[in-house]
Amino acid sequence: MSRTNFETLLEAGCHFGHLKRKWNPAMAPYIFMERNGIHIIDLHKTVAKIDEAAEALKQIAKSGKKILFVATKKQAKEIVAEKAAAVNMPYVIERWPGGMLTNFPTIRKAVKKMANIDKLTADGTYANLSKREILQISRQRAKLEKNLGSIVDLTRLPSALFVVDVLKEQIAVREANRLGIPVFAIVDTNSNPNNVDFVIPANDDANKSVEVILDACCTAIAEGLEERKAEKVDTEAAGEGENKPRKRSAKARVEKSEEAAPAAEEPVAEAQEAEEPAAAEEA
């Protein structure tokens, strides 16, 4: 079953590419035609590519790994934040911090610093500081929250990157390529698809277009998370069943005690037989 269809994508304007003079020749396989100097994307290929990407994202989510969403352009920011938060995935929508992936330990230190400020504020350590110092700390906290607040739960490198507009987010794509992290991306006609593992050819400027594609992908991620949860419940139930000692019925216990009784009587009978000849000899 297809995750989306031609009509839905057409209505959302996913087929509009960039001006012909701005095109990237590497996108030629995904271009259907040119109209009024604008390239039109082949939506049949987009539908197939969305299904392919959604299936791969579902498997990543099912294995319990994280997918980092990246979109710092104005049109896509809020949509990406909403959709990623709904499936409990980290996202970057303000500015890509250089070295976010290649220098991950440093980024984690900044996140820990934010958590430390929260902790010290809560236990009253900052209560004795001057107003100016408190203001400086709160500004620093706000800046960290703005840039890194959405990746607080990202304790290790993500297993995949989902990018909206690879031209704008080329630093993020380059870092992921260097570390061998698979990249899923909405790629427009002015971008280079060669550095992307799962290309979704579509308009990356219209918020309706971005929303339709993210809907399909995030639905697949949600399915993967649900399947993981269901499997976990099944394995726990199976484990409990194996560990639980089975209770014997009253009938089985009685039968077992009857079996044990004759075995205990046999040595007594043998001893009596042995005593009788000895008594006869004495007489």
C-alpha atoms as a PDB file:
ATOM      1  CA  MET A   1       0.000   0.000   0.000  1.00  0.00           C
ATOM      2  CA  SER A   2       1.311   3.412  -1.002  1.00  0.00           C
ATOM      3  CA  ARG A   3       1.895   5.969   1.765  1.00  0.00           C
ATOM      4  CA  THR A   4       0.689   8.832  -0.407  1.00  0.00           C
ATOM      5  CA  ASN A   5      -0.636   9.333  -3.946  1.00  0.00           C
ATOM      6  CA  PHE A   6      -0.143  11.444  -7.058  1.00  0.00           C
ATOM      7  CA  GLU A   7      -3.220  13.647  -6.465  1.00  0.00           C
ATOM      8  CA  THR A   8      -2.263  14.539  -2.868  1.00  0.00           C
ATOM      9  CA  LEU A   9       1.240  15.574  -3.929  1.00  0.00           C
ATOM     10  CA  LEU A  10      -0.121  17.530  -6.915  1.00  0.00           C
ATOM     11  CA  GLU A  11      -2.524  19.478  -4.681  1.00  0.00           C
ATOM     12  CA  ALA A  12       0.304  20.308  -2.269  1.00  0.00           C
ATOM     13  CA  GLY A  13       2.426  21.679  -5.145  1.00  0.00           C
ATOM     14  CA  CYS A  14       5.213  19.120  -4.719  1.00  0.00           C
ATOM     15  CA  HIS A  15       5.797  19.117  -8.507  1.00  0.00           C
ATOM     16  CA  PHE A  16       7.089  22.700  -8.780  1.00  0.00           C
ATOM     17  CA  GLY A  17      10.853  22.822  -9.174  1.00  0.00           C
ATOM     18  CA  HIS A  18      13.160  25.835  -9.599  1.00  0.00           C
ATOM     19  CA  LEU A  19      13.863  27.950 -12.659  1.00  0.00           C
ATOM     20  CA  LYS A  20      15.522  26.066 -15.494  1.00  0.00           C
ATOM     21  CA  ARG A  21      18.688  28.205 -15.260  1.00  0.00           C
ATOM     22  CA  LYS A  22      19.104  27.252 -11.559  1.00  0.00           C
ATOM     23  CA  TRP A  23      18.831  23.505 -12.032  1.00  0.00           C
ATOM     24  CA  ASN A  24      21.379  20.879 -11.014  1.00  0.00           C
ATOM     25  CA  PRO A  25      21.954  18.397 -13.897  1.00  0.00           C
ATOM     26  CA  ALA A  26      22.188  15.527 -11.380  1.00  0.00           C
ATOM     27  CA  MET A  27      18.414  15.957 -10.824  1.00  0.00           C
ATOM     28  CA  ALA A  28      17.653  15.178 -14.502  1.00  0.00           C
ATOM     29  CA  PRO A  29      16.242  11.651 -13.796  1.00  0.00           C
ATOM     30  CA  TYR A  30      13.545  13.159 -11.538  1.00  0.00           C
ATOM     31  CA  ILE A  31      12.453  15.991 -13.873  1.00  0.00           C
ATOM     32  CA  PHE A  32       9.319  15.341 -15.929  1.00  0.00           C
ATOM     33  CA  MET A  33       9.283  18.452 -18.163  1.00  0.00           C
ATOM     34  CA  GLU A  34       9.859  22.204 -18.328  1.00  0.00           C
ATOM     35  CA  ARG A  35       7.006  24.704 -18.369  1.00  0.00           C
ATOM     36  CA  ASN A  36       7.336  28.512 -18.559  1.00  0.00           C
ATOM     37  CA  GLY A  37      11.024  28.257 -17.664  1.00  0.00           C
ATOM     38  CA  ILE A  38      10.305  26.156 -14.522  1.00  0.00           C
ATOM     39  CA  HIS A  39      11.172  22.484 -14.118  1.00  0.00           C
ATOM     40  CA  ILE A  40       8.313  20.139 -13.229  1.00  0.00           C
ATOM     41  CA  ILE A  41       9.183  17.149 -10.996  1.00  0.00           C
ATOM     42  CA  ASP A  42       7.919  13.665 -11.929  1.00  0.00           C
ATOM     43  CA  LEU A  43       5.504  12.923  -9.059  1.00  0.00           C
ATOM     44  CA  HIS A  44       5.232   9.214  -9.926  1.00  0.00           C
ATOM     45  CA  LYS A  45       8.889   8.908  -8.943  1.00  0.00           C
ATOM     46  CA  THR A  46       8.257  11.025  -5.823  1.00  0.00           C
ATOM     47  CA  VAL A  47       5.490   8.640  -4.670  1.00  0.00           C
ATOM     48  CA  ALA A  48       7.825   5.633  -5.094  1.00  0.00           C
ATOM     49  CA  LYS A  49      10.691   7.400  -3.303  1.00  0.00           C
ATOM     50  CA  ILE A  50       8.458   8.436  -0.365  1.00  0.00           C
ATOM     51  CA  ASP A  51       7.389   4.786   0.087  1.00  0.00           C
ATOM     52  CA  GLU A  52      11.008   3.611  -0.029  1.00  0.00           C
ATOM     53  CA  ALA A  53      12.176   6.238   2.499  1.00  0.00           C
ATOM     54  CA  ALA A  54       9.169   5.677   4.805  1.00  0.00           C
ATOM     55  CA  GLU A  55       9.847   1.930   4.966  1.00  0.00           C
ATOM     56  CA  ALA A  56      13.519   2.484   5.846  1.00  0.00           C
ATOM     57  CA  LEU A  57      12.571   5.072   8.526  1.00  0.00           C
ATOM     58  CA  LYS A  58      10.040   2.642   9.985  1.00  0.00           C
ATOM     59  CA  GLN A  59      12.732  -0.049  10.387  1.00  0.00           C
ATOM     60  CA  ILE A  60      15.119   2.433  12.072  1.00  0.00           C
ATOM     61  CA  ALA A  61      12.399   3.486  14.543  1.00  0.00           C
ATOM     62  CA  LYS A  62      11.445  -0.144  15.150  1.00  0.00           C
ATOM     63  CA  SER A  63      15.026  -0.963  16.148  1.00  0.00           C
ATOM     64  CA  GLY A  64      14.843   1.790  18.800  1.00  0.00           C
ATOM     65  CA  LYS A  65      17.268   4.213  17.109  1.00  0.00           C
ATOM     66  CA  LYS A  66      16.962   7.993  16.726  1.00  0.00           C
ATOM     67  CA  ILE A  67      16.395  10.013  13.539  1.00  0.00           C
ATOM     68  CA  LEU A  68      17.549  13.651  13.623  1.00  0.00           C
ATOM     69  CA  PHE A  69      15.350  16.081  11.642  1.00  0.00           C
ATOM     70  CA  VAL A  70      17.066  19.158  10.207  1.00  0.00           C
ATOM     71  CA  ALA A  71      15.274  22.182   8.723  1.00  0.00           C
ATOM     72  CA  THR A  72      16.445  25.726   9.421  1.00  0.00           C
ATOM     73  CA  LYS A  73      14.537  27.439   6.586  1.00  0.00           C
ATOM     74  CA  LYS A  74      11.624  29.604   7.644  1.00  0.00           C
ATOM     75  CA  GLN A  75       8.914  27.723   5.680  1.00  0.00           C
ATOM     76  CA  ALA A  76       9.722  24.317   7.171  1.00  0.00           C
ATOM     77  CA  LYS A  77      10.854  25.086  10.754  1.00  0.00           C
ATOM     78  CA  GLU A  78       7.549  24.870  12.588  1.00  0.00           C
ATOM     79  CA  ILE A  79       6.237  21.899  10.593  1.00  0.00           C
ATOM     80  CA  VAL A  80       9.418  19.879  11.259  1.00  0.00           C
ATOM     81  CA  ALA A  81       9.386  20.756  14.978  1.00  0.00           C
ATOM     82  CA  GLU A  82       5.748  19.681  15.300  1.00  0.00           C
ATOM     83  CA  LYS A  83       6.057  16.416  13.349  1.00  0.00           C
ATOM     84  CA  ALA A  84       9.369  15.363  14.948  1.00  0.00           C
ATOM     85  CA  ALA A  85       8.123  16.098  18.471  1.00  0.00           C
ATOM     86  CA  ALA A  86       4.975  14.039  17.797  1.00  0.00           C
ATOM     87  CA  VAL A  87       7.109  10.910  17.199  1.00  0.00           C
ATOM     88  CA  ASN A  88       9.587  11.815  19.976  1.00  0.00           C
ATOM     89  CA  MET A  89      12.541  12.420  17.637  1.00  0.00           C
ATOM     90  CA  PRO A  90      15.231  15.139  18.013  1.00  0.00           C
ATOM     91  CA  TYR A  91      15.324  18.079  15.589  1.00  0.00           C
ATOM     92  CA  VAL A  92      17.400  21.155  14.703  1.00  0.00           C
ATOM     93  CA  ILE A  93      15.441  24.170  13.425  1.00  0.00           C
ATOM     94  CA  GLU A  94      17.449  27.231  14.498  1.00  0.00           C
ATOM     95  CA  ARG A  95      20.997  26.951  13.254  1.00  0.00           C
ATOM     96  CA  TRP A  96      23.085  23.903  12.535  1.00  0.00           C
ATOM     97  CA  PRO A  97      25.849  23.950  15.195  1.00  0.00           C
ATOM     98  CA  GLY A  98      29.056  23.226  13.246  1.00  0.00           C
ATOM     99  CA  GLY A  99      30.479  19.882  14.325  1.00  0.00           C
ATOM    100  CA  MET A 100      27.160  18.744  15.743  1.00  0.00           C
ATOM    101  CA  LEU A 101      27.905  15.197  14.514  1.00  0.00           C
ATOM    102  CA  THR A 102      31.673  15.177  13.955  1.00  0.00           C
ATOM    103  CA  ASN A 103      32.332  16.854  17.313  1.00  0.00           C
ATOM    104  CA  PHE A 104      29.422  15.321  19.211  1.00  0.00           C
ATOM    105  CA  PRO A 105      31.074  15.112  22.700  1.00  0.00           C
ATOM    106  CA  THR A 106      31.461  18.925  22.761  1.00  0.00           C
ATOM    107  CA  ILE A 107      27.789  19.392  21.892  1.00  0.00           C
ATOM    108  CA  ARG A 108      26.866  16.977  24.694  1.00  0.00           C
ATOM    109  CA  LYS A 109      28.929  19.092  27.109  1.00  0.00           C
ATOM    110  CA  ALA A 110      26.871  22.161  26.154  1.00  0.00           C
ATOM    111  CA  VAL A 111      23.647  20.206  26.739  1.00  0.00           C
ATOM    112  CA  LYS A 112      24.950  19.070  30.150  1.00  0.00           C
ATOM    113  CA  LYS A 113      25.821  22.677  30.966  1.00  0.00           C
ATOM    114  CA  MET A 114      22.191  23.613  30.319  1.00  0.00           C
ATOM    115  CA  ALA A 115      20.999  20.812  32.615  1.00  0.00           C
ATOM    116  CA  ASN A 116      23.489  21.935  35.269  1.00  0.00           C
ATOM    117  CA  ILE A 117      22.152  25.530  35.166  1.00  0.00           C
ATOM    118  CA  ASP A 118      18.633  24.148  35.688  1.00  0.00           C
ATOM    119  CA  LYS A 119      19.790  22.029  38.622  1.00  0.00           C
ATOM    120  CA  LEU A 120      21.614  24.899  40.356  1.00  0.00           C
ATOM    121  CA  THR A 121      18.651  27.223  39.812  1.00  0.00           C
ATOM    122  CA  ALA A 122      16.275  24.658  41.320  1.00  0.00           C
ATOM    123  CA  ASP A 123      18.334  24.021  44.464  1.00  0.00           C
ATOM    124  CA  GLY A 124      18.761  27.760  45.174  1.00  0.00           C
ATOM    125  CA  THR A 125      22.519  28.008  44.532  1.00  0.00           C
ATOM    126  CA  TYR A 126      21.997  31.061  42.333  1.00  0.00           C
ATOM    127  CA  ALA A 127      19.756  32.826  44.871  1.00  0.00           C
ATOM    128  CA  ASN A 128      22.735  34.655  46.452  1.00  0.00           C
ATOM    129  CA  LEU A 129      24.110  35.986  43.154  1.00  0.00           C
ATOM    130  CA  SER A 130      23.646  39.567  42.015  1.00  0.00           C
ATOM    131  CA  LYS A 131      20.882  40.447  39.555  1.00  0.00           C
ATOM    132  CA  ARG A 132      23.426  41.033  36.804  1.00  0.00           C
ATOM    133  CA  GLU A 133      24.995  37.579  37.213  1.00  0.00           C
ATOM    134  CA  ILE A 134      21.570  35.897  37.292  1.00  0.00           C
ATOM    135  CA  LEU A 135      20.619  37.775  34.100  1.00  0.00           C
ATOM    136  CA  GLN A 136      23.824  36.622  32.357  1.00  0.00           C
ATOM    137  CA  ILE A 137      23.187  33.004  33.372  1.00  0.00           C
ATOM    138  CA  SER A 138      19.549  33.124  32.251  1.00  0.00           C
ATOM    139  CA  ARG A 139      20.586  34.614  28.877  1.00  0.00           C
ATOM    140  CA  GLN A 140      23.157  31.874  28.436  1.00  0.00           C
ATOM    141  CA  ARG A 141      20.512  29.277  29.325  1.00  0.00           C
ATOM    142  CA  ALA A 142      18.043  30.792  26.826  1.00  0.00           C
ATOM    143  CA  LYS A 143      20.665  30.712  24.046  1.00  0.00           C
ATOM    144  CA  LEU A 144      21.496  27.064  24.761  1.00  0.00           C
ATOM    145  CA  GLU A 145      17.788  26.204  24.884  1.00  0.00           C
ATOM    146  CA  LYS A 146      17.179  27.869  21.528  1.00  0.00           C
ATOM    147  CA  ASN A 147      20.021  26.043  19.757  1.00  0.00           C
ATOM    148  CA  LEU A 148      20.137  22.723  21.598  1.00  0.00           C
ATOM    149  CA  GLY A 149      16.846  22.355  23.489  1.00  0.00           C
ATOM    150  CA  SER A 150      15.408  19.895  20.987  1.00  0.00           C
ATOM    151  CA  ILE A 151      18.395  17.518  21.184  1.00  0.00           C
ATOM    152  CA  VAL A 152      18.533  17.161  24.992  1.00  0.00           C
ATOM    153  CA  ASP A 153      17.528  13.482  24.751  1.00  0.00           C
ATOM    154  CA  LEU A 154      20.059  12.700  22.007  1.00  0.00           C
ATOM    155  CA  THR A 155      22.669  10.918  24.126  1.00  0.00           C
ATOM    156  CA  ARG A 156      24.434   9.261  21.179  1.00  0.00           C
ATOM    157  CA  LEU A 157      24.867   9.947  17.474  1.00  0.00           C
ATOM    158  CA  PRO A 158      21.620   9.610  15.489  1.00  0.00           C
ATOM    159  CA  SER A 159      21.185   6.599  13.193  1.00  0.00           C
ATOM    160  CA  ALA A 160      19.806   8.747  10.358  1.00  0.00           C
ATOM    161  CA  LEU A 161      19.333  12.351   9.280  1.00  0.00           C
ATOM    162  CA  PHE A 162      16.158  13.718   7.678  1.00  0.00           C
ATOM    163  CA  VAL A 163      16.922  16.981   5.865  1.00  0.00           C
ATOM    164  CA  VAL A 164      14.674  19.561   4.230  1.00  0.00           C
ATOM    165  CA  ASP A 165      16.686  21.412   1.516  1.00  0.00           C
ATOM    166  CA  VAL A 166      20.127  19.816   1.169  1.00  0.00           C
ATOM    167  CA  LEU A 167      21.512  22.990  -0.406  1.00  0.00           C
ATOM    168  CA  LYS A 168      20.854  25.034   2.743  1.00  0.00           C
ATOM    169  CA  GLU A 169      21.840  22.195   5.100  1.00  0.00           C
ATOM    170  CA  GLN A 170      24.931  21.067   3.183  1.00  0.00           C
ATOM    171  CA  ILE A 171      27.159  21.201   6.304  1.00  0.00           C
ATOM    172  CA  ALA A 172      24.850  18.746   8.097  1.00  0.00           C
ATOM    173  CA  VAL A 173      24.804  16.450   5.034  1.00  0.00           C
ATOM    174  CA  ARG A 174      28.599  16.583   4.760  1.00  0.00           C
ATOM    175  CA  GLU A 175      29.055  15.664   8.429  1.00  0.00           C
ATOM    176  CA  ALA A 176      26.616  12.744   8.102  1.00  0.00           C
ATOM    177  CA  ASN A 177      28.423  11.531   4.956  1.00  0.00           C
ATOM    178  CA  ARG A 178      31.763  11.652   6.756  1.00  0.00           C
ATOM    179  CA  LEU A 179      30.427   9.500   9.609  1.00  0.00           C
ATOM    180  CA  GLY A 180      28.489   7.120   7.345  1.00  0.00           C
ATOM    181  CA  ILE A 181      25.090   8.172   8.739  1.00  0.00           C
ATOM    182  CA  PRO A 182      22.332   7.615   6.125  1.00  0.00           C
ATOM    183  CA  VAL A 183      20.680  10.814   4.870  1.00  0.00           C
ATOM    184  CA  PHE A 184      16.990  11.095   3.951  1.00  0.00           C
ATOM    185  CA  ALA A 185      16.147  14.361   2.212  1.00  0.00           C
ATOM    186  CA  ILE A 186      13.558  16.360   0.288  1.00  0.00           C
ATOM    187  CA  VAL A 187      15.612  17.399  -2.756  1.00  0.00           C
ATOM    188  CA  ASP A 188      14.578  20.187  -5.141  1.00  0.00           C
ATOM    189  CA  THR A 189      15.750  20.639  -8.753  1.00  0.00           C
ATOM    190  CA  ASN A 190      18.538  23.075  -7.731  1.00  0.00           C
ATOM    191  CA  SER A 191      20.194  20.606  -5.326  1.00  0.00           C
ATOM    192  CA  ASN A 192      22.696  17.774  -5.653  1.00  0.00           C
ATOM    193  CA  PRO A 193      21.139  14.374  -4.815  1.00  0.00           C
ATOM    194  CA  ASN A 194      24.441  12.454  -4.991  1.00  0.00           C
ATOM    195  CA  ASN A 195      25.248  12.850  -1.278  1.00  0.00           C
ATOM    196  CA  VAL A 196      21.781  11.692  -0.203  1.00  0.00           C
ATOM    197  CA  ASP A 197      21.001   8.013   0.454  1.00  0.00           C
ATOM    198  CA  PHE A 198      17.199   8.332   0.205  1.00  0.00           C
ATOM    199  CA  VAL A 199      16.233  11.075  -2.245  1.00  0.00           C
ATOM    200  CA  ILE A 200      12.653  12.406  -2.175  1.00  0.00           C
ATOM    201  CA  PRO A 201      12.419  14.671  -5.265  1.00  0.00           C
ATOM    202  CA  ALA A 202       9.939  17.459  -4.426  1.00  0.00           C
ATOM    203  CA  ASN A 203       9.403  21.154  -3.851  1.00  0.00           C
ATOM    204  CA  ASP A 204      11.242  22.044  -0.612  1.00  0.00           C
ATOM    205  CA  ASP A 205      10.065  25.674  -0.482  1.00  0.00           C
ATOM    206  CA  ALA A 206       6.294  25.287  -0.091  1.00  0.00           C
ATOM    207  CA  ASN A 207       5.240  24.450   3.476  1.00  0.00           C
ATOM    208  CA  LYS A 208       2.280  22.392   2.168  1.00  0.00           C
ATOM    209  CA  SER A 209       4.663  20.215   0.142  1.00  0.00           C
ATOM    210  CA  VAL A 210       6.994  19.673   3.128  1.00  0.00           C
ATOM    211  CA  GLU A 211       4.021  18.883   5.379  1.00  0.00           C
ATOM    212  CA  VAL A 212       2.564  16.193   3.078  1.00  0.00           C
ATOM    213  CA  ILE A 213       5.919  14.392   2.798  1.00  0.00           C
ATOM    214  CA  LEU A 214       6.677  14.639   6.529  1.00  0.00           C
ATOM    215  CA  ASP A 215       3.201  13.317   7.315  1.00  0.00           C
ATOM    216  CA  ALA A 216       3.862  10.147   5.329  1.00  0.00           C
ATOM    217  CA  CYS A 217       7.340   9.651   6.842  1.00  0.00           C
ATOM    218  CA  CYS A 218       6.334  10.377  10.446  1.00  0.00           C
ATOM    219  CA  THR A 219       3.336   8.048  10.181  1.00  0.00           C
ATOM    220  CA  ALA A 220       5.771   5.280   9.185  1.00  0.00           C
ATOM    221  CA  ILE A 221       8.041   6.149  12.154  1.00  0.00           C
ATOM    222  CA  ALA A 222       5.038   6.024  14.520  1.00  0.00           C
ATOM    223  CA  GLU A 223       4.147   2.563  13.136  1.00  0.00           C
ATOM    224  CA  GLY A 224       7.712   1.372  13.751  1.00  0.00           C
ATOM    225  CA  LEU A 225       7.582   2.621  17.357  1.00  0.00           C
ATOM    226  CA  GLU A 226       4.214   0.896  17.937  1.00  0.00           C
ATOM    227  CA  GLU A 227       5.529  -2.413  16.546  1.00  0.00           C
ATOM    228  CA  ARG A 228       8.583  -2.152  18.789  1.00  0.00           C
ATOM    229  CA  LYS A 229       6.344  -1.578  21.816  1.00  0.00           C
ATOM    230  CA  ALA A 230       4.118  -4.544  20.897  1.00  0.00           C
ATOM    231  CA  GLU A 231       7.142  -6.851  20.444  1.00  0.00           C
ATOM    232  CA  LYS A 232       8.525  -5.745  23.806  1.00  0.00           C
ATOM    233  CA  VAL A 233       5.235  -6.613  25.541  1.00  0.00           C
ATOM    234  CA  ASP A 234       5.149 -10.032  23.814  1.00  0.00           C
ATOM    235  CA  THR A 235       8.726 -10.907  24.802  1.00  0.00           C
ATOM    236  CA  GLU A 236       8.129  -9.824  28.415  1.00  0.00           C
ATOM    237  CA  ALA A 237       4.969 -11.947  28.592  1.00  0.00           C
ATOM    238  CA  ALA A 238       6.831 -14.932  27.121  1.00  0.00           C
ATOM    239  CA  GLY A 239       9.702 -14.446  29.597  1.00  0.00           C
ATOM    240  CA  GLU A 240       7.333 -14.362  32.568  1.00  0.00           C
ATOM    241  CA  GLY A 241       5.636 -17.551  31.368  1.00  0.00           C
ATOM    242  CA  GLU A 242       8.960 -19.416  31.185  1.00  0.00           C
ATOM    243  CA  ASN A 243      10.225 -18.284  34.592  1.00  0.00           C
ATOM    244  CA  LYS A 244       7.037 -18.950  36.535  1.00  0.00           C
ATOM    245  CA  PRO A 245       7.185 -22.344  38.394  1.00  0.00           C
ATOM    246  CA  ARG A 246       4.281 -24.528  37.300  1.00  0.00           C
ATOM    247  CA  LYS A 247       1.877 -25.555  40.059  1.00  0.00           C
ATOM    248  CA  ARG A 248       1.129 -29.288  40.298  1.00  0.00           C
ATOM    249  CA  SER A 249      -2.457 -30.296  40.706  1.00  0.00           C
ATOM    250  CA  ALA A 250      -3.565 -31.989  43.976  1.00  0.00           C
ATOM    251  CA  LYS A 251      -4.072 -35.270  42.063  1.00  0.00           C
ATOM    252  CA  ALA A 252      -0.485 -35.196  40.759  1.00  0.00           C
ATOM    253  CA  ARG A 253       0.873 -34.549  44.279  1.00  0.00           C
ATOM    254  CA  VAL A 254      -1.080 -37.517  45.699  1.00  0.00           C
ATOM    255  CA  GLU A 255       0.148 -39.810  42.901  1.00  0.00           C
ATOM    256  CA  LYS A 256       3.747 -38.741  43.534  1.00  0.00           C
ATOM    257  CA  SER A 257       3.492 -39.443  47.298  1.00  0.00           C
ATOM    258  CA  GLU A 258       1.997 -42.899  46.564  1.00  0.00           C
ATOM    259  CA  GLU A 259       4.910 -43.708  44.248  1.00  0.00           C
ATOM    260  CA  ALA A 260       7.387 -42.689  46.925  1.00  0.00           C
ATOM    261  CA  ALA A 261       5.718 -44.755  49.705  1.00  0.00           C
ATOM    262  CA  PRO A 262       6.370 -48.345  48.402  1.00  0.00           C
ATOM    263  CA  ALA A 263       9.984 -47.426  47.737  1.00  0.00           C
ATOM    264  CA  ALA A 264      10.363 -46.498  51.390  1.00  0.00           C
ATOM    265  CA  GLU A 265       8.648 -49.730  52.611  1.00  0.00           C
ATOM    266  CA  GLU A 266      10.832 -52.140  50.586  1.00  0.00           C
ATOM    267  CA  PRO A 267      13.983 -51.908  52.751  1.00  0.00           C
ATOM    268  CA  VAL A 268      11.856 -52.585  55.904  1.00  0.00           C
ATOM    269  CA  ALA A 269      10.417 -55.789  54.414  1.00  0.00           C
ATOM    270  CA  GLU A 270      13.948 -56.972  53.420  1.00  0.00           C
ATOM    271  CA  ALA A 271      15.193 -56.366  56.989  1.00  0.00           C
ATOM    272  CA  GLN A 272      12.325 -58.435  58.443  1.00  0.00           C
ATOM    273  CA  GLU A 273      13.132 -61.356  56.082  1.00  0.00           C
ATOM    274  CA  ALA A 274      16.782 -61.209  57.139  1.00  0.00           C
ATOM    275  CA  GLU A 275      15.863 -61.317  60.867  1.00  0.00           C
ATOM    276  CA  GLU A 276      13.649 -64.455  60.562  1.00  0.00           C
ATOM    277  CA  PRO A 277      16.428 -66.980  59.510  1.00  0.00           C
ATOM    278  CA  ALA A 278      18.699 -65.570  62.214  1.00  0.00           C
ATOM    279  CA  ALA A 279      16.061 -66.221  64.897  1.00  0.00           C
ATOM    280  CA  ALA A 280      15.533 -69.793  63.599  1.00  0.00           C
ATOM    281  CA  GLU A 281      19.278 -70.613  63.882  1.00  0.00           C
ATOM    282  CA  GLU A 282      19.380 -69.447  67.506  1.00  0.00           C
ATOM    283  CA  ALA A 283      16.458 -71.719  68.375  1.00  0.00           C
END
